[in-house]
Amino acid sequence: MTDSPTVTEVIRTRCAAGTRTDGHRLVLAIEGGGSRGVYSSGMVKGLEELGLAGVFDAVYGTSAGAVNGAWLLCGRAIPGMRTWTDRAIMNRVIDPARLFRGGAAFDVHWLVHRVYDGLEPMDFPAILNSSTTFHPIATDARTGNAIDLRPHIVDKPSLLLALRASANLPILAGGPVLLDGVPYFDGGIAEPVPIRSALRSNPTHLLVLRTRRADELRPPTSRVHRVIGGNYLRLRAPGAYRSWLAREAEQGVEERLLAGLGTAALQLHPPADAPEVASTARDIDLLAAALELGRRAVHAAFASVDA
């Protein structure tokens, strides 16, 4: 990668020219985190509002970050983010009480197949035909490796499966999602922020949308998650279990990688006073506030780009 020009300068030049024929490779990487992904949702909404969706050569996303990347590429990020503040949708998608009835706390299947393909539809042909390549990241349940699912996306059904696989939390969202015969869990197990996957494509510049404040550390796994989720993975998906155990150290790896890129990488975080949003949050007022904070963060960073 190169230290010059900066990410903002590349975005400004591309926006003004209306093309990506500058010899650079600008990649967008989007963090997930369940409901915490509302922050990167707001950021994606801001990018669309500023007319910057088309400046990227590739979009990489993990879990909710993959969903947000899909909204950006289909050109419907602004209306699509209404789902975060729809009480009926959020209560249907996230219901921890379902675990006690043998169901899934996160109904990702309903979200993808009923909401994104019905109630608040994505433009799936637009994603499939976009000149910006789409790379949802999932965790191979057998090996624990972070896998770029792009090679498996050939049509609308496989795109829907890829979105589900990337956001498929173990136990909380049910069993693994099969794509071309391979079982996948949530990409956040192996790669919470898809930086390493994005770097394999040899970008010259990298914009990273984060869902934690710059001062917010990734918390240790709770005892309940260690006992329930850990035992499930240990018995059912030992490869993914090893990656799951290493998650706490991943934040340091991410920061060192990005620091080494200098001005060729830019991270956007929620502001310093942003509230923490739990991965299972469904408080509509909290989510609406977080969505707006994410949107404002992008406007603050790039509002002058299209001027």
Protein backbone atom coordinates (compact mmCIF):
# COMPACT_ATOMS: atom_id res chain seq x y z
CA MET A 1 0.00 0.00 0.00
CA THR A 2 1.06 3.61 -0.37
CA ASP A 3 1.04 6.49 2.09
CA SER A 4 -0.08 9.04 -0.52
CA PRO A 5 -2.68 10.15 -1.43
CA THR A 6 -4.90 9.70 1.62
CA VAL A 7 -8.16 7.77 1.64
CA THR A 8 -10.15 11.01 1.76
CA GLU A 9 -8.22 12.40 -1.21
CA VAL A 10 -8.91 9.30 -3.28
CA ILE A 11 -12.61 9.49 -2.41
CA ARG A 12 -12.72 13.21 -3.24
CA THR A 13 -11.01 12.71 -6.60
CA ARG A 14 -13.22 9.79 -7.58
CA CYS A 15 -16.37 11.60 -6.55
CA ALA A 16 -15.42 14.64 -8.64
CA ALA A 17 -14.41 12.55 -11.67
CA GLY A 18 -17.30 10.12 -11.47
CA THR A 19 -14.95 7.23 -12.32
CA ARG A 20 -12.58 4.79 -10.62
CA THR A 21 -9.92 4.86 -13.35
CA ASP A 22 -7.20 6.41 -11.18
CA GLY A 23 -4.99 3.34 -10.75
CA HIS A 24 -5.89 2.96 -7.09
CA ARG A 25 -7.85 0.17 -5.44
CA LEU A 26 -10.14 1.55 -2.73
CA VAL A 27 -11.78 -1.05 -0.50
CA LEU A 28 -14.51 -0.63 2.13
CA ALA A 29 -14.47 -2.97 5.16
CA ILE A 30 -17.50 -2.99 7.48
CA GLU A 31 -17.58 -4.35 11.04
CA GLY A 32 -20.60 -6.25 12.31
CA GLY A 33 -21.67 -7.10 15.85
CA GLY A 34 -25.38 -7.92 15.89
CA SER A 35 -27.39 -4.89 16.94
CA ARG A 36 -24.15 -2.95 17.40
CA GLY A 37 -24.05 -2.98 13.61
CA VAL A 38 -26.57 -0.14 13.75
CA TYR A 39 -23.56 2.21 13.93
CA SER A 40 -22.11 0.98 10.64
CA SER A 41 -25.67 1.05 9.24
CA GLY A 42 -25.81 4.76 9.95
CA MET A 43 -22.39 5.18 8.33
CA VAL A 44 -23.51 3.35 5.21
CA LYS A 45 -26.61 5.51 5.09
CA GLY A 46 -24.37 8.57 5.26
CA LEU A 47 -22.21 7.31 2.38
CA GLU A 48 -25.31 6.90 0.24
CA GLU A 49 -26.61 10.35 1.18
CA LEU A 50 -23.29 11.88 0.10
CA GLY A 51 -23.31 10.00 -3.20
CA LEU A 52 -20.21 7.97 -2.32
CA ALA A 53 -21.52 4.44 -2.81
CA GLY A 54 -19.88 4.11 -6.20
CA VAL A 55 -16.34 5.14 -5.27
CA PHE A 56 -15.32 1.73 -3.89
CA ASP A 57 -13.78 -1.10 -5.90
CA ALA A 58 -14.86 -3.74 -3.38
CA VAL A 59 -16.94 -4.01 -0.21
CA TYR A 60 -16.09 -6.51 2.53
CA GLY A 61 -18.47 -7.07 5.44
CA THR A 62 -18.76 -9.34 8.44
CA SER A 63 -22.18 -10.32 9.83
CA ALA A 64 -24.28 -7.13 10.15
CA GLY A 65 -21.47 -5.44 8.24
CA ALA A 66 -22.14 -7.74 5.28
CA VAL A 67 -25.82 -6.80 5.40
CA ASN A 68 -24.89 -3.12 5.49
CA GLY A 69 -22.58 -3.58 2.52
CA ALA A 70 -25.41 -5.19 0.58
CA TRP A 71 -27.69 -2.24 1.33
CA LEU A 72 -25.03 0.15 0.06
CA LEU A 73 -24.45 -1.77 -3.17
CA CYS A 74 -28.13 -2.12 -3.95
CA GLY A 75 -28.66 1.64 -3.66
CA ARG A 76 -31.32 1.36 -0.96
CA ALA A 77 -29.35 2.10 2.22
CA ILE A 78 -31.45 5.15 3.07
CA PRO A 79 -34.87 3.43 3.11
CA GLY A 80 -33.40 0.09 4.22
CA MET A 81 -32.19 1.46 7.55
CA ARG A 82 -35.80 2.07 8.61
CA THR A 83 -35.83 -1.55 9.73
CA TRP A 84 -33.72 -0.64 12.80
CA THR A 85 -36.50 1.57 14.14
CA ASP A 86 -39.42 -0.67 13.25
CA ARG A 87 -40.46 -2.11 16.60
CA ALA A 88 -42.39 -5.03 15.11
CA ILE A 89 -39.44 -6.10 12.94
CA MET A 90 -36.87 -5.80 15.74
CA ASN A 91 -39.02 -7.74 18.21
CA ARG A 92 -39.53 -10.46 15.61
CA VAL A 93 -35.86 -10.68 14.65
CA ILE A 94 -34.47 -10.59 18.21
CA ASP A 95 -36.32 -12.51 20.91
CA PRO A 96 -34.06 -14.16 23.54
CA ALA A 97 -37.09 -15.89 25.06
CA ARG A 98 -37.25 -18.15 21.98
CA LEU A 99 -34.14 -19.94 23.28
CA PHE A 100 -36.20 -21.32 26.15
CA ARG A 101 -38.72 -22.66 23.64
CA GLY A 102 -36.08 -24.41 21.57
CA GLY A 103 -35.89 -21.66 18.97
CA ALA A 104 -33.29 -19.07 17.93
CA ALA A 105 -32.85 -15.72 19.66
CA PHE A 106 -31.91 -14.20 16.29
CA ASP A 107 -34.24 -15.15 13.45
CA VAL A 108 -31.79 -14.40 10.65
CA HIS A 109 -33.76 -16.59 8.22
CA TRP A 110 -36.88 -14.44 8.66
CA LEU A 111 -34.84 -11.24 8.45
CA VAL A 112 -33.19 -12.18 5.16
CA HIS A 113 -36.05 -14.01 3.44
CA ARG A 114 -39.04 -12.04 4.74
CA VAL A 115 -37.74 -8.53 5.47
CA TYR A 116 -34.99 -8.12 2.85
CA ASP A 117 -36.97 -10.02 0.25
CA GLY A 118 -40.39 -8.60 1.08
CA LEU A 119 -41.16 -6.04 3.77
CA GLU A 120 -38.16 -3.79 3.05
CA PRO A 121 -36.69 -5.28 -0.11
CA MET A 122 -33.10 -5.12 -1.26
CA ASP A 123 -32.40 -4.82 -4.97
CA PHE A 124 -30.61 -8.15 -5.33
CA PRO A 125 -29.95 -7.84 -9.11
CA ALA A 126 -28.21 -4.53 -8.41
CA ILE A 127 -25.85 -6.24 -5.94
CA LEU A 128 -25.16 -9.13 -8.31
CA ASN A 129 -24.49 -6.81 -11.25
CA SER A 130 -22.58 -4.11 -9.40
CA SER A 131 -19.13 -3.18 -10.70
CA THR A 132 -18.14 -2.95 -7.02
CA THR A 133 -17.53 -6.51 -5.88
CA PHE A 134 -19.31 -7.77 -2.76
CA HIS A 135 -17.47 -9.96 -0.22
CA PRO A 136 -19.48 -11.22 2.78
CA ILE A 137 -17.27 -12.98 5.32
CA ALA A 138 -18.32 -16.12 7.21
CA THR A 139 -16.56 -18.65 9.44
CA ASP A 140 -16.04 -22.17 8.11
CA ALA A 141 -17.52 -24.31 10.89
CA ARG A 142 -15.04 -27.12 10.13
CA THR A 143 -11.77 -25.18 10.15
CA GLY A 144 -12.58 -21.91 11.92
CA ASN A 145 -11.14 -19.93 9.00
CA ALA A 146 -12.63 -16.67 7.78
CA ILE A 147 -14.00 -17.32 4.28
CA ASP A 148 -14.84 -14.81 1.58
CA LEU A 149 -18.15 -16.08 0.23
CA ARG A 150 -18.01 -14.14 -3.04
CA PRO A 151 -17.04 -17.19 -5.16
CA HIS A 152 -20.25 -18.91 -3.98
CA ILE A 153 -22.55 -16.04 -4.99
CA VAL A 154 -23.91 -16.70 -8.47
CA ASP A 155 -27.59 -15.77 -8.20
CA LYS A 156 -30.21 -14.42 -5.83
CA PRO A 157 -30.69 -17.65 -3.78
CA SER A 158 -26.94 -18.01 -3.18
CA LEU A 159 -26.72 -14.31 -2.26
CA LEU A 160 -29.46 -14.76 0.33
CA LEU A 161 -27.65 -17.79 1.76
CA ALA A 162 -24.38 -15.85 1.93
CA LEU A 163 -26.03 -13.05 3.89
CA ARG A 164 -27.49 -15.59 6.32
CA ALA A 165 -24.20 -17.45 6.67
CA SER A 166 -22.24 -14.30 7.46
CA ALA A 167 -24.67 -13.34 10.25
CA ASN A 168 -25.33 -16.85 11.60
CA LEU A 169 -24.44 -16.68 15.31
CA PRO A 170 -23.96 -20.17 16.84
CA ILE A 171 -26.96 -21.26 18.95
CA LEU A 172 -28.37 -17.72 19.01
CA ALA A 173 -29.29 -18.02 15.32
CA GLY A 174 -29.49 -21.79 15.18
CA GLY A 175 -27.24 -24.34 13.49
CA PRO A 176 -24.76 -23.74 10.67
CA VAL A 177 -25.90 -22.50 7.26
CA LEU A 178 -24.91 -24.76 4.37
CA LEU A 179 -23.56 -23.09 1.24
CA ASP A 180 -22.33 -25.43 -1.50
CA GLY A 181 -22.22 -28.18 1.11
CA VAL A 182 -19.99 -26.29 3.55
CA PRO A 183 -21.34 -25.36 7.02
CA TYR A 184 -20.84 -21.72 8.03
CA PHE A 185 -21.25 -19.66 11.18
CA ASP A 186 -21.12 -15.92 11.76
CA GLY A 187 -18.03 -14.29 10.27
CA GLY A 188 -17.40 -12.48 13.54
CA ILE A 189 -16.07 -15.69 15.10
CA ALA A 190 -12.99 -15.68 12.88
CA GLU A 191 -12.79 -12.05 11.73
CA PRO A 192 -14.97 -9.46 13.52
CA VAL A 193 -13.62 -6.71 11.27
CA PRO A 194 -12.80 -8.02 7.76
CA ILE A 195 -9.43 -6.31 7.50
CA ARG A 196 -7.25 -9.32 6.70
CA SER A 197 -9.70 -10.57 4.08
CA ALA A 198 -9.76 -7.12 2.48
CA LEU A 199 -5.97 -6.86 2.48
CA ARG A 200 -5.67 -10.13 0.54
CA SER A 201 -7.14 -8.28 -2.44
CA ASN A 202 -4.13 -5.90 -2.43
CA PRO A 203 -5.94 -2.60 -1.98
CA THR A 204 -4.02 0.65 -2.17
CA HIS A 205 -6.48 2.31 0.23
CA LEU A 206 -8.85 1.01 2.90
CA LEU A 207 -11.83 2.65 4.62
CA VAL A 208 -13.02 0.79 7.72
CA LEU A 209 -16.42 1.39 9.31
CA ARG A 210 -16.32 0.44 12.99
CA THR A 211 -19.13 -0.28 15.43
CA ARG A 212 -17.18 0.44 18.61
CA ARG A 213 -15.81 3.76 19.82
CA ALA A 214 -12.06 4.23 19.44
CA ASP A 215 -11.65 3.84 23.21
CA GLU A 216 -14.01 0.86 23.49
CA LEU A 217 -12.31 -2.48 24.04
CA ARG A 218 -13.84 -5.74 22.95
CA PRO A 219 -15.12 -7.20 26.25
CA PRO A 220 -14.16 -10.68 27.49
CA THR A 221 -16.62 -13.41 26.64
CA SER A 222 -19.24 -13.72 29.35
CA ARG A 223 -19.43 -16.84 31.49
CA VAL A 224 -22.81 -17.75 30.01
CA HIS A 225 -21.43 -17.53 26.47
CA ARG A 226 -18.35 -19.52 27.46
CA VAL A 227 -20.43 -22.29 28.96
CA ILE A 228 -23.23 -22.46 26.42
CA GLY A 229 -21.74 -21.15 23.19
CA GLY A 230 -18.25 -22.44 23.88
CA ASN A 231 -19.37 -25.97 24.69
CA TYR A 232 -21.61 -26.04 21.63
CA LEU A 233 -18.75 -25.06 19.32
CA ARG A 234 -16.26 -27.33 21.07
CA LEU A 235 -18.49 -30.33 20.46
CA ARG A 236 -20.03 -29.42 17.10
CA ALA A 237 -17.39 -27.29 15.37
CA PRO A 238 -13.95 -27.61 16.99
CA GLY A 239 -12.26 -25.57 14.26
CA ALA A 240 -14.63 -22.66 14.83
CA TYR A 241 -14.18 -23.14 18.58
CA ARG A 242 -10.45 -22.46 18.30
CA SER A 243 -11.14 -19.25 16.39
CA TRP A 244 -13.79 -18.29 18.93
CA LEU A 245 -11.28 -18.64 21.77
CA ALA A 246 -8.85 -16.32 19.97
CA ARG A 247 -11.37 -13.50 19.46
CA GLU A 248 -10.26 -11.42 22.44
CA ALA A 249 -6.77 -11.01 20.98
CA GLU A 250 -8.12 -10.09 17.55
CA GLN A 251 -8.60 -6.41 18.36
CA GLY A 252 -4.87 -5.94 18.92
CA VAL A 253 -4.13 -7.67 15.62
CA GLU A 254 -6.57 -5.39 13.80
CA GLU A 255 -5.08 -2.23 15.28
CA ARG A 256 -1.51 -3.24 14.43
CA LEU A 257 -2.47 -4.04 10.85
CA LEU A 258 -4.19 -0.71 10.39
CA ALA A 259 -1.42 1.26 12.09
CA GLY A 260 1.04 -0.25 9.64
CA LEU A 261 -0.95 1.10 6.69
CA GLY A 262 -0.47 4.74 7.66
CA THR A 263 -2.63 7.23 5.77
CA ALA A 264 -3.61 4.57 3.26
CA ALA A 265 -6.17 3.38 5.84
CA LEU A 266 -8.90 5.38 7.55
CA GLN A 267 -11.13 4.15 10.37
CA LEU A 268 -14.47 5.75 11.21
CA HIS A 269 -15.71 5.09 14.75
CA PRO A 270 -18.83 6.13 16.62
CA PRO A 271 -18.08 9.36 18.53
CA ALA A 272 -16.46 9.35 21.97
CA ASP A 273 -19.80 9.96 23.73
CA ALA A 274 -21.69 7.28 21.78
CA PRO A 275 -23.59 4.79 23.97
CA GLU A 276 -22.60 1.14 23.97
CA VAL A 277 -25.07 -1.01 22.05
CA ALA A 278 -25.32 -4.67 23.04
CA SER A 279 -25.37 -7.24 20.27
CA THR A 280 -28.94 -8.19 21.27
CA ALA A 281 -30.27 -4.65 21.77
CA ARG A 282 -33.75 -3.91 20.41
CA ASP A 283 -34.54 -0.65 22.23
CA ILE A 284 -35.87 1.45 19.36
CA ASP A 285 -34.85 4.78 20.89
CA LEU A 286 -31.28 3.58 21.49
CA LEU A 287 -31.02 2.14 18.00
CA ALA A 288 -32.38 5.29 16.39
CA ALA A 289 -29.86 7.41 18.29
CA ALA A 290 -26.97 5.11 17.32
CA LEU A 291 -28.06 5.08 13.67
CA GLU A 292 -27.99 8.89 13.61
CA LEU A 293 -24.58 9.04 15.31
CA GLY A 294 -23.14 6.71 12.68
CA ARG A 295 -24.64 8.82 9.90
CA ARG A 296 -23.22 12.00 11.39
CA ALA A 297 -19.75 10.44 11.69
CA VAL A 298 -19.64 9.92 7.92
CA HIS A 299 -20.98 13.39 7.21
CA ALA A 300 -18.35 14.90 9.49
CA ALA A 301 -15.60 12.97 7.68
CA PHE A 302 -16.72 13.46 4.08
CA ALA A 303 -19.31 16.26 3.87
CA SER A 304 -16.87 18.43 1.92
CA VAL A 305 -16.01 15.67 -0.56
CA ASP A 306 -18.96 16.30 -2.87
CA ALA A 307 -18.92 20.07 -2.42
